[in-house]
C-alpha cells in the first residue's frame, strides 16, 4: 500500500468512526486497533495521550482474547467492562482487530454495542480489512 492509499484509508476510517459516533449518541469516544494493537484511528479528545490509550485498549483486547481461549472459545466477539464512571466496549473485527468505545455510566450500552456491530463492516473496509465475508 502506498503512502497516499494509507492517508486515504485513514481518512475513510476517520469518517467511519465519525459516522458511528453521530449514530450512537451515548458513545464518548471510539477507536480502531489493528490485530497487532496499533491504533489506526480514534476520536479521543485533545488531552488524551494516544499512545497510552492505545496500550490500554490493546491490553484489554489481549486479555479478552486470552480469557476466551482459556474457556475453549476461538475468540471474544465482544466485551463489556463496567467501571465506576462508565463502560469500555470492545467488538472484534475480522482479522483480529478491535473496535473500542467508551460511554458514560448512564449510557444505553446494549444500543451502543448494536451500533458498533452494525458499523463493523464499514469500519473493516475503511481499515483495509475488506469487510465481513
N, C-alpha and C. Protein backbone atom coordinates (compact mmCIF):
# COMPACT_ATOMS: atom_id res chain seq x y z
N UNK A 1 0.85 -1.18 0.00
CA UNK A 1 0.00 0.00 0.00
C UNK A 1 0.89 1.23 0.00
N UNK A 2 0.57 2.17 -0.88
CA UNK A 2 1.36 3.40 -0.97
C UNK A 2 1.00 4.34 0.17
N UNK A 3 1.85 5.35 0.38
CA UNK A 3 1.56 6.34 1.42
C UNK A 3 0.24 7.05 1.15
N UNK A 4 -0.03 7.35 -0.12
CA UNK A 4 -1.30 8.02 -0.48
C UNK A 4 -2.49 7.15 -0.10
N UNK A 5 -2.42 5.84 -0.38
CA UNK A 5 -3.51 4.92 -0.03
C UNK A 5 -3.69 4.85 1.48
N UNK A 6 -2.58 4.88 2.21
CA UNK A 6 -2.67 4.86 3.68
C UNK A 6 -3.39 6.10 4.20
N UNK A 7 -3.04 7.26 3.64
CA UNK A 7 -3.67 8.50 4.07
C UNK A 7 -5.15 8.48 3.72
N UNK A 8 -5.47 8.04 2.49
CA UNK A 8 -6.87 7.99 2.07
C UNK A 8 -7.67 7.01 2.92
N UNK A 9 -7.10 5.82 3.20
CA UNK A 9 -7.84 4.86 4.01
C UNK A 9 -7.96 5.36 5.44
N UNK A 10 -6.96 6.09 5.95
CA UNK A 10 -7.08 6.69 7.27
C UNK A 10 -8.21 7.68 7.33
N UNK A 11 -8.38 8.46 6.25
CA UNK A 11 -9.49 9.40 6.17
C UNK A 11 -10.82 8.67 6.14
N UNK A 12 -10.89 7.56 5.41
CA UNK A 12 -12.10 6.75 5.36
C UNK A 12 -12.42 6.20 6.75
N UNK A 13 -11.41 5.77 7.46
CA UNK A 13 -11.60 5.22 8.80
C UNK A 13 -12.06 6.32 9.76
N UNK A 14 -11.46 7.49 9.66
CA UNK A 14 -11.89 8.62 10.50
C UNK A 14 -13.36 8.95 10.23
N UNK A 15 -13.75 8.94 8.94
CA UNK A 15 -15.15 9.22 8.59
C UNK A 15 -16.07 8.13 9.12
N UNK A 16 -15.66 6.87 9.03
CA UNK A 16 -16.49 5.77 9.53
C UNK A 16 -16.69 5.89 11.04
N UNK A 17 -15.63 6.26 11.77
CA UNK A 17 -15.77 6.45 13.22
C UNK A 17 -16.64 7.66 13.53
N UNK A 18 -16.49 8.74 12.77
CA UNK A 18 -17.33 9.92 12.97
C UNK A 18 -18.80 9.58 12.72
N UNK A 19 -19.07 8.78 11.69
CA UNK A 19 -20.44 8.35 11.41
C UNK A 19 -20.99 7.51 12.56
N UNK A 20 -20.16 6.62 13.08
CA UNK A 20 -20.58 5.78 14.20
C UNK A 20 -20.90 6.63 15.42
N UNK A 21 -20.05 7.59 15.73
CA UNK A 21 -20.30 8.46 16.89
C UNK A 21 -21.55 9.30 16.69
N UNK A 22 -21.81 9.74 15.47
CA UNK A 22 -23.01 10.52 15.19
C UNK A 22 -24.26 9.65 15.36
N UNK A 23 -24.16 8.39 14.98
CA UNK A 23 -25.28 7.46 15.11
C UNK A 23 -25.54 7.09 16.56
N UNK A 24 -24.48 6.89 17.31
CA UNK A 24 -24.58 6.41 18.68
C UNK A 24 -24.24 7.54 19.65
N UNK A 25 -25.24 8.31 20.03
CA UNK A 25 -25.03 9.49 20.88
C UNK A 25 -24.51 9.19 22.27
N UNK A 26 -24.64 7.95 22.73
CA UNK A 26 -24.15 7.60 24.06
C UNK A 26 -22.65 7.31 24.08
N UNK A 27 -22.02 7.28 22.92
CA UNK A 27 -20.60 6.96 22.83
C UNK A 27 -19.77 8.19 23.15
N UNK A 28 -18.84 8.07 24.10
CA UNK A 28 -17.96 9.18 24.46
C UNK A 28 -16.75 9.26 23.53
N UNK A 29 -16.18 8.11 23.21
CA UNK A 29 -15.04 8.04 22.30
C UNK A 29 -15.03 6.67 21.65
N UNK A 30 -14.32 6.56 20.54
CA UNK A 30 -14.16 5.26 19.90
C UNK A 30 -12.80 5.21 19.22
N UNK A 31 -12.35 3.99 18.98
CA UNK A 31 -11.04 3.78 18.38
C UNK A 31 -11.02 2.46 17.64
N UNK A 32 -10.08 2.34 16.70
CA UNK A 32 -9.87 1.09 15.99
C UNK A 32 -8.41 0.71 16.17
N UNK A 33 -8.20 -0.54 16.61
CA UNK A 33 -6.86 -1.10 16.76
C UNK A 33 -6.67 -2.19 15.72
N UNK A 34 -5.46 -2.30 15.19
CA UNK A 34 -5.13 -3.40 14.30
C UNK A 34 -4.99 -4.67 15.14
N UNK A 35 -4.86 -5.81 14.47
CA UNK A 35 -4.67 -7.08 15.17
C UNK A 35 -3.42 -7.05 16.04
N UNK A 36 -2.43 -6.26 15.66
CA UNK A 36 -1.20 -6.14 16.42
C UNK A 36 -1.25 -5.10 17.53
N UNK A 37 -2.40 -4.46 17.72
CA UNK A 37 -2.55 -3.49 18.79
C UNK A 37 -2.14 -2.08 18.42
N UNK A 38 -1.96 -1.81 17.13
CA UNK A 38 -1.60 -0.47 16.67
C UNK A 38 -2.88 0.36 16.54
N UNK A 39 -2.87 1.56 17.09
CA UNK A 39 -4.01 2.46 17.00
C UNK A 39 -4.09 3.00 15.58
N UNK A 40 -5.16 2.63 14.85
CA UNK A 40 -5.32 3.08 13.47
C UNK A 40 -6.06 4.41 13.39
N UNK A 41 -7.02 4.61 14.29
CA UNK A 41 -7.79 5.84 14.32
C UNK A 41 -8.52 5.92 15.65
N UNK A 42 -8.76 7.14 16.11
CA UNK A 42 -9.52 7.30 17.34
C UNK A 42 -10.17 8.67 17.38
N UNK A 43 -11.18 8.77 18.21
CA UNK A 43 -11.88 10.05 18.38
C UNK A 43 -11.57 10.66 19.74
N UNK A 44 -10.47 10.24 20.35
CA UNK A 44 -10.11 10.76 21.66
C UNK A 44 -9.83 12.26 21.58
N UNK A 45 -10.19 12.97 22.63
CA UNK A 45 -10.03 14.41 22.69
C UNK A 45 -8.59 14.86 22.80
N UNK A 46 -8.41 16.15 22.85
CA UNK A 46 -7.09 16.80 22.88
C UNK A 46 -6.20 16.34 24.02
N UNK A 47 -6.73 16.20 25.22
CA UNK A 47 -5.89 15.92 26.38
C UNK A 47 -5.52 14.46 26.58
N UNK A 48 -5.91 13.59 25.66
CA UNK A 48 -5.68 12.16 25.82
C UNK A 48 -4.37 11.76 25.15
N UNK A 49 -3.52 11.06 25.88
CA UNK A 49 -2.28 10.53 25.34
C UNK A 49 -2.63 9.32 24.49
N UNK A 50 -2.53 9.46 23.17
CA UNK A 50 -2.96 8.41 22.24
C UNK A 50 -2.16 7.12 22.42
N UNK A 51 -0.87 7.22 22.69
CA UNK A 51 -0.06 6.02 22.89
C UNK A 51 -0.51 5.25 24.12
N UNK A 52 -0.78 5.97 25.18
CA UNK A 52 -1.23 5.33 26.41
C UNK A 52 -2.62 4.72 26.23
N UNK A 53 -3.52 5.44 25.58
CA UNK A 53 -4.86 4.92 25.31
C UNK A 53 -4.77 3.66 24.46
N UNK A 54 -3.92 3.68 23.43
CA UNK A 54 -3.75 2.51 22.56
C UNK A 54 -3.21 1.32 23.35
N UNK A 55 -2.25 1.57 24.22
CA UNK A 55 -1.68 0.48 25.02
C UNK A 55 -2.72 -0.13 25.96
N UNK A 56 -3.53 0.70 26.57
CA UNK A 56 -4.57 0.18 27.48
C UNK A 56 -5.64 -0.59 26.71
N UNK A 57 -6.06 -0.07 25.55
CA UNK A 57 -7.05 -0.78 24.75
C UNK A 57 -6.50 -2.10 24.24
N UNK A 58 -5.25 -2.10 23.80
CA UNK A 58 -4.63 -3.33 23.31
C UNK A 58 -4.52 -4.36 24.44
N UNK A 59 -4.18 -3.90 25.64
CA UNK A 59 -4.09 -4.82 26.78
C UNK A 59 -5.45 -5.42 27.11
N UNK A 60 -6.51 -4.61 27.07
CA UNK A 60 -7.86 -5.11 27.36
C UNK A 60 -8.29 -6.12 26.29
N UNK A 61 -8.03 -5.82 25.02
CA UNK A 61 -8.39 -6.73 23.94
C UNK A 61 -7.60 -8.03 24.04
N UNK A 62 -6.32 -7.93 24.36
CA UNK A 62 -5.48 -9.12 24.51
C UNK A 62 -5.98 -9.99 25.66
N UNK A 63 -6.31 -9.37 26.77
CA UNK A 63 -6.82 -10.11 27.93
C UNK A 63 -8.14 -10.82 27.59
N UNK A 64 -9.01 -10.14 26.85
CA UNK A 64 -10.28 -10.75 26.45
C UNK A 64 -10.04 -11.96 25.55
N UNK A 65 -9.11 -11.85 24.61
CA UNK A 65 -8.80 -12.97 23.71
C UNK A 65 -8.21 -14.15 24.48
N UNK A 66 -7.28 -13.86 25.39
CA UNK A 66 -6.67 -14.94 26.18
C UNK A 66 -7.70 -15.63 27.05
N UNK A 67 -8.59 -14.86 27.66
CA UNK A 67 -9.64 -15.43 28.51
C UNK A 67 -10.58 -16.30 27.69
N UNK A 68 -10.96 -15.83 26.51
CA UNK A 68 -11.85 -16.62 25.63
C UNK A 68 -11.19 -17.94 25.25
N UNK A 69 -9.91 -17.91 24.88
CA UNK A 69 -9.21 -19.15 24.51
C UNK A 69 -9.10 -20.09 25.70
N UNK A 70 -8.86 -19.54 26.87
CA UNK A 70 -8.76 -20.37 28.08
C UNK A 70 -10.09 -21.07 28.36
N UNK A 71 -11.19 -20.43 27.97
CA UNK A 71 -12.52 -21.00 28.17
C UNK A 71 -12.96 -21.88 26.99
N UNK A 72 -12.04 -22.14 26.05
CA UNK A 72 -12.32 -23.02 24.93
C UNK A 72 -12.99 -22.36 23.74
N UNK A 73 -13.04 -21.05 23.70
CA UNK A 73 -13.64 -20.32 22.59
C UNK A 73 -12.54 -19.89 21.61
N UNK A 74 -12.93 -19.69 20.36
CA UNK A 74 -11.96 -19.27 19.35
C UNK A 74 -11.46 -17.85 19.62
N UNK A 75 -12.40 -16.96 19.99
CA UNK A 75 -12.05 -15.57 20.28
C UNK A 75 -13.21 -14.92 21.03
N UNK A 76 -12.95 -13.74 21.56
CA UNK A 76 -14.00 -12.94 22.21
C UNK A 76 -14.61 -12.04 21.14
N UNK A 77 -15.90 -12.18 20.87
CA UNK A 77 -16.51 -11.37 19.83
C UNK A 77 -16.88 -9.98 20.33
N UNK A 78 -17.24 -9.88 21.61
CA UNK A 78 -17.49 -8.56 22.20
C UNK A 78 -17.26 -8.64 23.69
N UNK A 79 -16.87 -7.51 24.26
CA UNK A 79 -16.56 -7.42 25.68
C UNK A 79 -17.15 -6.13 26.23
N UNK A 80 -17.71 -6.22 27.42
CA UNK A 80 -18.23 -5.05 28.13
C UNK A 80 -17.54 -5.00 29.48
N UNK A 81 -16.88 -3.89 29.74
CA UNK A 81 -16.23 -3.69 31.03
C UNK A 81 -16.94 -2.52 31.70
N UNK A 82 -17.53 -2.79 32.87
CA UNK A 82 -18.21 -1.74 33.62
C UNK A 82 -17.24 -1.14 34.63
N UNK A 83 -17.14 0.18 34.62
CA UNK A 83 -16.27 0.89 35.54
C UNK A 83 -17.12 1.88 36.33
N UNK A 84 -16.54 2.49 37.31
CA UNK A 84 -17.26 3.43 38.16
C UNK A 84 -17.85 4.60 37.36
N UNK A 85 -17.09 5.11 36.39
CA UNK A 85 -17.52 6.29 35.65
C UNK A 85 -18.11 5.99 34.27
N UNK A 86 -18.18 4.72 33.88
CA UNK A 86 -18.72 4.41 32.56
C UNK A 86 -18.39 3.00 32.12
N UNK A 87 -18.35 2.80 30.82
CA UNK A 87 -18.16 1.47 30.26
C UNK A 87 -17.11 1.51 29.16
N UNK A 88 -16.38 0.41 29.03
CA UNK A 88 -15.48 0.17 27.91
C UNK A 88 -16.07 -0.98 27.13
N UNK A 89 -16.27 -0.78 25.84
CA UNK A 89 -16.87 -1.80 24.99
C UNK A 89 -15.88 -2.16 23.88
N UNK A 90 -15.72 -3.45 23.63
CA UNK A 90 -14.82 -3.93 22.59
C UNK A 90 -15.59 -4.86 21.68
N UNK A 91 -15.44 -4.68 20.38
CA UNK A 91 -16.03 -5.57 19.39
C UNK A 91 -14.91 -6.01 18.47
N UNK A 92 -14.78 -7.33 18.29
CA UNK A 92 -13.72 -7.88 17.45
C UNK A 92 -14.05 -7.66 15.98
N UNK A 93 -13.05 -7.27 15.22
CA UNK A 93 -13.17 -7.12 13.77
C UNK A 93 -12.59 -8.35 13.09
N UNK A 94 -13.02 -8.62 11.86
CA UNK A 94 -12.40 -9.70 11.10
C UNK A 94 -10.91 -9.44 11.00
N UNK A 95 -10.13 -10.47 11.09
CA UNK A 95 -8.69 -10.32 11.03
C UNK A 95 -8.06 -10.05 12.38
N UNK A 96 -8.86 -9.93 13.42
CA UNK A 96 -8.33 -9.78 14.76
C UNK A 96 -8.22 -8.38 15.29
N UNK A 97 -8.57 -7.37 14.51
CA UNK A 97 -8.57 -6.00 15.01
C UNK A 97 -9.68 -5.78 16.01
N UNK A 98 -9.72 -4.60 16.59
CA UNK A 98 -10.71 -4.30 17.62
C UNK A 98 -11.31 -2.92 17.40
N UNK A 99 -12.62 -2.84 17.53
CA UNK A 99 -13.34 -1.58 17.58
C UNK A 99 -13.66 -1.36 19.05
N UNK A 100 -13.20 -0.26 19.61
CA UNK A 100 -13.38 0.04 21.04
C UNK A 100 -14.19 1.31 21.19
N UNK A 101 -14.97 1.37 22.27
CA UNK A 101 -15.74 2.58 22.57
C UNK A 101 -15.83 2.75 24.07
N UNK A 102 -15.95 4.00 24.48
CA UNK A 102 -16.24 4.30 25.88
C UNK A 102 -17.57 5.03 25.94
N UNK A 103 -18.25 4.84 27.07
CA UNK A 103 -19.53 5.50 27.28
C UNK A 103 -19.59 6.02 28.70
N UNK A 104 -20.55 6.89 28.94
CA UNK A 104 -20.81 7.36 30.31
C UNK A 104 -21.52 6.25 31.08
N UNK A 105 -21.59 6.43 32.36
CA UNK A 105 -22.20 5.43 33.24
C UNK A 105 -23.66 5.14 32.90
N UNK A 106 -24.41 6.17 32.51
CA UNK A 106 -25.85 6.02 32.26
C UNK A 106 -26.18 5.70 30.80
N UNK A 107 -25.20 5.31 30.02
CA UNK A 107 -25.40 5.02 28.60
C UNK A 107 -26.26 3.78 28.39
N UNK A 108 -26.91 3.74 27.25
CA UNK A 108 -27.66 2.56 26.82
C UNK A 108 -26.66 1.64 26.12
N UNK A 109 -25.97 0.84 26.91
CA UNK A 109 -24.85 0.04 26.44
C UNK A 109 -25.26 -0.96 25.36
N UNK A 110 -26.39 -1.59 25.53
CA UNK A 110 -26.86 -2.55 24.52
C UNK A 110 -27.03 -1.90 23.16
N UNK A 111 -27.56 -0.69 23.14
CA UNK A 111 -27.74 0.03 21.88
C UNK A 111 -26.39 0.41 21.27
N UNK A 112 -25.45 0.82 22.11
CA UNK A 112 -24.12 1.18 21.60
C UNK A 112 -23.45 -0.05 21.00
N UNK A 113 -23.53 -1.20 21.67
CA UNK A 113 -22.95 -2.43 21.11
C UNK A 113 -23.62 -2.81 19.79
N UNK A 114 -24.93 -2.64 19.73
CA UNK A 114 -25.67 -2.91 18.49
C UNK A 114 -25.14 -2.02 17.36
N UNK A 115 -24.99 -0.74 17.63
CA UNK A 115 -24.47 0.19 16.63
C UNK A 115 -23.05 -0.18 16.21
N UNK A 116 -22.23 -0.58 17.17
CA UNK A 116 -20.85 -0.98 16.87
C UNK A 116 -20.83 -2.20 15.96
N UNK A 117 -21.65 -3.20 16.28
CA UNK A 117 -21.70 -4.41 15.44
C UNK A 117 -22.19 -4.09 14.03
N UNK A 118 -23.18 -3.19 13.93
CA UNK A 118 -23.70 -2.81 12.61
C UNK A 118 -22.68 -2.02 11.79
N UNK A 119 -21.84 -1.24 12.44
CA UNK A 119 -20.84 -0.43 11.75
C UNK A 119 -19.57 -1.22 11.43
N UNK A 120 -19.47 -2.42 11.96
CA UNK A 120 -18.25 -3.22 11.83
C UNK A 120 -17.81 -3.39 10.38
N UNK A 121 -18.71 -3.74 9.46
CA UNK A 121 -18.34 -3.96 8.07
C UNK A 121 -17.73 -2.72 7.43
N UNK A 122 -18.35 -1.56 7.65
CA UNK A 122 -17.84 -0.31 7.09
C UNK A 122 -16.46 0.01 7.67
N UNK A 123 -16.29 -0.24 8.95
CA UNK A 123 -15.01 0.05 9.61
C UNK A 123 -13.93 -0.91 9.12
N UNK A 124 -14.27 -2.18 8.95
CA UNK A 124 -13.31 -3.14 8.43
C UNK A 124 -12.86 -2.76 7.02
N UNK A 125 -13.81 -2.35 6.19
CA UNK A 125 -13.48 -1.93 4.83
C UNK A 125 -12.58 -0.70 4.86
N UNK A 126 -12.93 0.28 5.68
CA UNK A 126 -12.13 1.51 5.77
C UNK A 126 -10.74 1.25 6.33
N UNK A 127 -10.63 0.25 7.20
CA UNK A 127 -9.34 -0.09 7.80
C UNK A 127 -8.50 -0.98 6.87
N UNK A 128 -9.08 -1.38 5.76
CA UNK A 128 -8.34 -2.22 4.83
C UNK A 128 -8.53 -3.70 5.07
N UNK A 129 -9.50 -4.05 5.94
CA UNK A 129 -9.73 -5.46 6.25
C UNK A 129 -10.67 -6.14 5.28
N UNK A 130 -11.24 -5.37 4.34
CA UNK A 130 -12.07 -5.98 3.32
C UNK A 130 -13.50 -6.29 3.73
N UNK A 131 -13.87 -5.96 4.95
CA UNK A 131 -15.26 -6.19 5.37
C UNK A 131 -15.50 -7.62 5.77
N UNK A 132 -16.74 -7.92 6.11
CA UNK A 132 -17.12 -9.25 6.57
C UNK A 132 -17.37 -10.16 5.39
N UNK A 133 -16.98 -11.42 5.55
CA UNK A 133 -17.19 -12.38 4.47
C UNK A 133 -18.36 -13.25 4.78
